[in-house]
Amino acid sequence: MKTGGLLATRRSLVDRLANWDDRERWQEFFDTYWKLIYSAARKSGLTDAEAEEVVQETVITVAKNVDKLKYDPAIGSFKGWLLQITRWRIADQFRKREPGDAECARSSDDRATATIERVPDSRIVDLDALWETEWKRIYSKPQSRA
């Protein structure tokens, strides 16, 4: 895949997202970005259900705010804006957890680990680096067309 493909979000897609009735573009947006958002949320320490909620809430936030976005790659990328929204939604999920709630992805052999040690520290995750790694992992593969 060329660097100019998905790696730089097409301005035409972003511009057309301002039209809520353009279901084809919204589906294209969702199909393009949900894996990235979900993967970043999971690798930040959220459960499957929490990560799915991050995807949903991120898409809703984009829908509500895309008309205010002044898309200028010289100032900032759409991908960076999307990362910031995703970061906020991930933080929201951690805040929703009850104090002491250890609802996080667990391995099958975590019974011997103290509960507090299984709760991920969201401050440790370098979401910027994670986002770039996942972006390359997901979008650098040749896309098969069915």
Protein backbone atom coordinates (compact mmCIF):
# COMPACT_ATOMS: atom_id res chain seq x y z
CA MET A 1 0.00 0.00 0.00
CA LYS A 2 1.31 3.43 -0.81
CA THR A 3 1.96 5.95 1.91
CA GLY A 4 -0.45 8.38 0.29
CA GLY A 5 -3.35 5.92 0.58
CA LEU A 6 -4.88 5.35 3.98
CA LEU A 7 -1.87 6.66 5.84
CA ALA A 8 -2.94 10.18 4.96
CA THR A 9 -6.69 10.39 5.37
CA ARG A 10 -8.34 11.47 2.16
CA ARG A 11 -9.67 14.99 2.43
CA SER A 12 -12.66 13.97 0.32
CA LEU A 13 -13.72 11.45 2.98
CA VAL A 14 -13.36 13.95 5.82
CA ASP A 15 -15.18 16.69 3.91
CA ARG A 16 -18.07 14.38 3.09
CA LEU A 17 -18.49 13.26 6.71
CA ALA A 18 -20.09 16.63 7.45
CA ASN A 19 -23.12 15.29 5.55
CA TRP A 20 -24.82 12.93 8.02
CA ASP A 21 -27.00 11.58 5.22
CA ASP A 22 -24.00 10.26 3.27
CA ARG A 23 -24.29 6.75 4.66
CA GLU A 24 -21.76 5.38 2.20
CA ARG A 25 -19.03 7.76 3.48
CA TRP A 26 -19.94 7.10 7.12
CA GLN A 27 -19.73 3.36 6.48
CA GLU A 28 -16.37 3.89 4.77
CA PHE A 29 -15.18 5.91 7.77
CA PHE A 30 -16.33 3.24 10.22
CA ASP A 31 -14.86 0.39 8.16
CA THR A 32 -11.58 2.28 7.89
CA TYR A 33 -11.09 3.28 11.52
CA TRP A 34 -12.97 0.96 13.89
CA LYS A 35 -10.14 -1.59 14.11
CA LEU A 36 -7.61 1.10 14.96
CA ILE A 37 -9.80 2.63 17.67
CA TYR A 38 -10.72 -0.78 19.11
CA SER A 39 -7.14 -2.03 19.09
CA ALA A 40 -5.85 1.12 20.82
CA ALA A 41 -8.55 0.77 23.48
CA ARG A 42 -7.81 -2.92 24.10
CA LYS A 43 -4.06 -2.37 24.27
CA SER A 44 -4.66 0.47 26.73
CA GLY A 45 -6.06 -2.14 29.11
CA LEU A 46 -9.79 -2.01 28.46
CA THR A 47 -12.05 -5.05 28.25
CA ASP A 48 -13.70 -6.08 25.01
CA ALA A 49 -16.99 -4.42 26.01
CA GLU A 50 -15.23 -1.24 27.10
CA ALA A 51 -13.25 -1.11 23.85
CA GLU A 52 -16.44 -1.55 21.85
CA GLU A 53 -17.95 1.36 23.76
CA VAL A 54 -14.86 3.45 22.98
CA VAL A 55 -15.41 2.76 19.27
CA GLN A 56 -19.07 3.71 19.52
CA GLU A 57 -18.46 6.86 21.55
CA THR A 58 -15.56 7.93 19.34
CA VAL A 59 -17.67 7.63 16.18
CA ILE A 60 -20.50 9.55 17.86
CA THR A 61 -18.07 12.31 18.90
CA VAL A 62 -16.68 12.53 15.37
CA ALA A 63 -20.22 12.74 13.98
CA LYS A 64 -21.13 15.55 16.36
CA ASN A 65 -17.96 17.55 15.73
CA VAL A 66 -16.77 16.85 12.18
CA ASP A 67 -18.61 19.89 10.85
CA LYS A 68 -16.48 22.08 13.15
CA LEU A 69 -13.24 20.47 11.96
CA LYS A 70 -11.18 22.75 9.76
CA TYR A 71 -9.21 20.05 8.01
CA ASP A 72 -5.78 21.40 7.17
CA PRO A 73 -2.95 18.83 7.13
CA ALA A 74 -0.45 21.67 7.59
CA ILE A 75 -1.98 22.40 11.02
CA GLY A 76 -2.84 18.89 12.14
CA SER A 77 -3.97 15.60 10.73
CA PHE A 78 -7.38 14.02 10.89
CA LYS A 79 -5.63 10.97 12.32
CA GLY A 80 -4.26 13.12 15.17
CA TRP A 81 -7.70 14.58 15.86
CA LEU A 82 -9.17 11.08 15.89
CA LEU A 83 -6.43 9.93 18.28
CA GLN A 84 -7.27 12.74 20.69
CA ILE A 85 -10.96 11.83 20.66
CA THR A 86 -10.06 8.16 21.16
CA ARG A 87 -7.77 9.10 24.06
CA TRP A 88 -10.64 10.98 25.76
CA ARG A 89 -13.05 8.07 25.27
CA ILE A 90 -10.50 5.59 26.69
CA ALA A 91 -10.04 7.83 29.74
CA ASP A 92 -13.84 7.98 30.10
CA GLN A 93 -13.95 4.19 30.31
CA PHE A 94 -11.31 4.08 33.03
CA ARG A 95 -13.21 6.76 34.98
CA LYS A 96 -16.41 4.69 34.74
CA ARG A 97 -14.79 1.84 36.61
CA GLU A 98 -15.60 1.63 40.28
CA PRO A 99 -12.63 2.13 42.59
CA GLY A 100 -10.93 -1.21 43.02
CA ASP A 101 -12.76 -2.70 40.02
CA ALA A 102 -10.33 -5.06 38.32
CA GLU A 103 -12.42 -5.57 35.21
CA CYS A 104 -9.64 -5.94 32.71
CA ALA A 105 -8.53 -8.51 30.20
CA ARG A 106 -7.06 -11.44 32.10
CA SER A 107 -4.92 -14.33 31.09
CA SER A 108 -5.95 -17.82 32.14
CA ASP A 109 -3.16 -18.00 34.72
CA ASP A 110 -3.70 -14.68 36.50
CA ARG A 111 -5.22 -16.26 39.64
CA ALA A 112 -1.88 -16.04 41.45
CA THR A 113 -1.50 -12.33 40.67
CA ALA A 114 -2.84 -9.81 43.15
CA THR A 115 -5.91 -8.01 41.82
CA ILE A 116 -4.27 -4.59 42.01
CA GLU A 117 -1.39 -5.80 39.84
CA ARG A 118 -3.85 -6.89 37.11
CA VAL A 119 -5.39 -3.42 36.80
CA PRO A 120 -3.57 -1.60 34.01
CA ASP A 121 -2.23 1.85 34.72
CA SER A 122 -3.54 3.98 31.89
CA ARG A 123 -0.79 6.53 32.48
CA ILE A 124 1.85 3.99 31.44
CA VAL A 125 0.48 3.40 27.94
CA ASP A 126 2.12 5.62 25.35
CA LEU A 127 -1.01 6.01 23.25
CA ASP A 128 0.76 8.06 20.58
CA ALA A 129 3.28 5.29 19.93
CA LEU A 130 0.61 2.61 20.22
CA TRP A 131 -1.60 4.48 17.74
CA GLU A 132 1.24 4.69 15.18
CA THR A 133 2.16 1.04 15.64
CA GLU A 134 -1.43 -0.12 15.26
CA TRP A 135 -1.98 2.24 12.30
CA LYS A 136 0.96 0.66 10.48
CA ARG A 137 -0.01 -2.88 11.50
CA ILE A 138 -3.62 -2.52 10.36
CA TYR A 139 -3.25 -0.31 7.30
CA SER A 140 0.10 -1.32 5.86
CA LYS A 141 -1.22 -4.72 4.82
CA PRO A 142 -2.42 -5.06 1.26
CA GLN A 143 -6.20 -4.80 1.38
CA SER A 144 -8.03 -7.63 -0.35
CA ARG A 145 -11.07 -6.59 -2.31
CA ALA A 146 -13.96 -8.98 -2.17
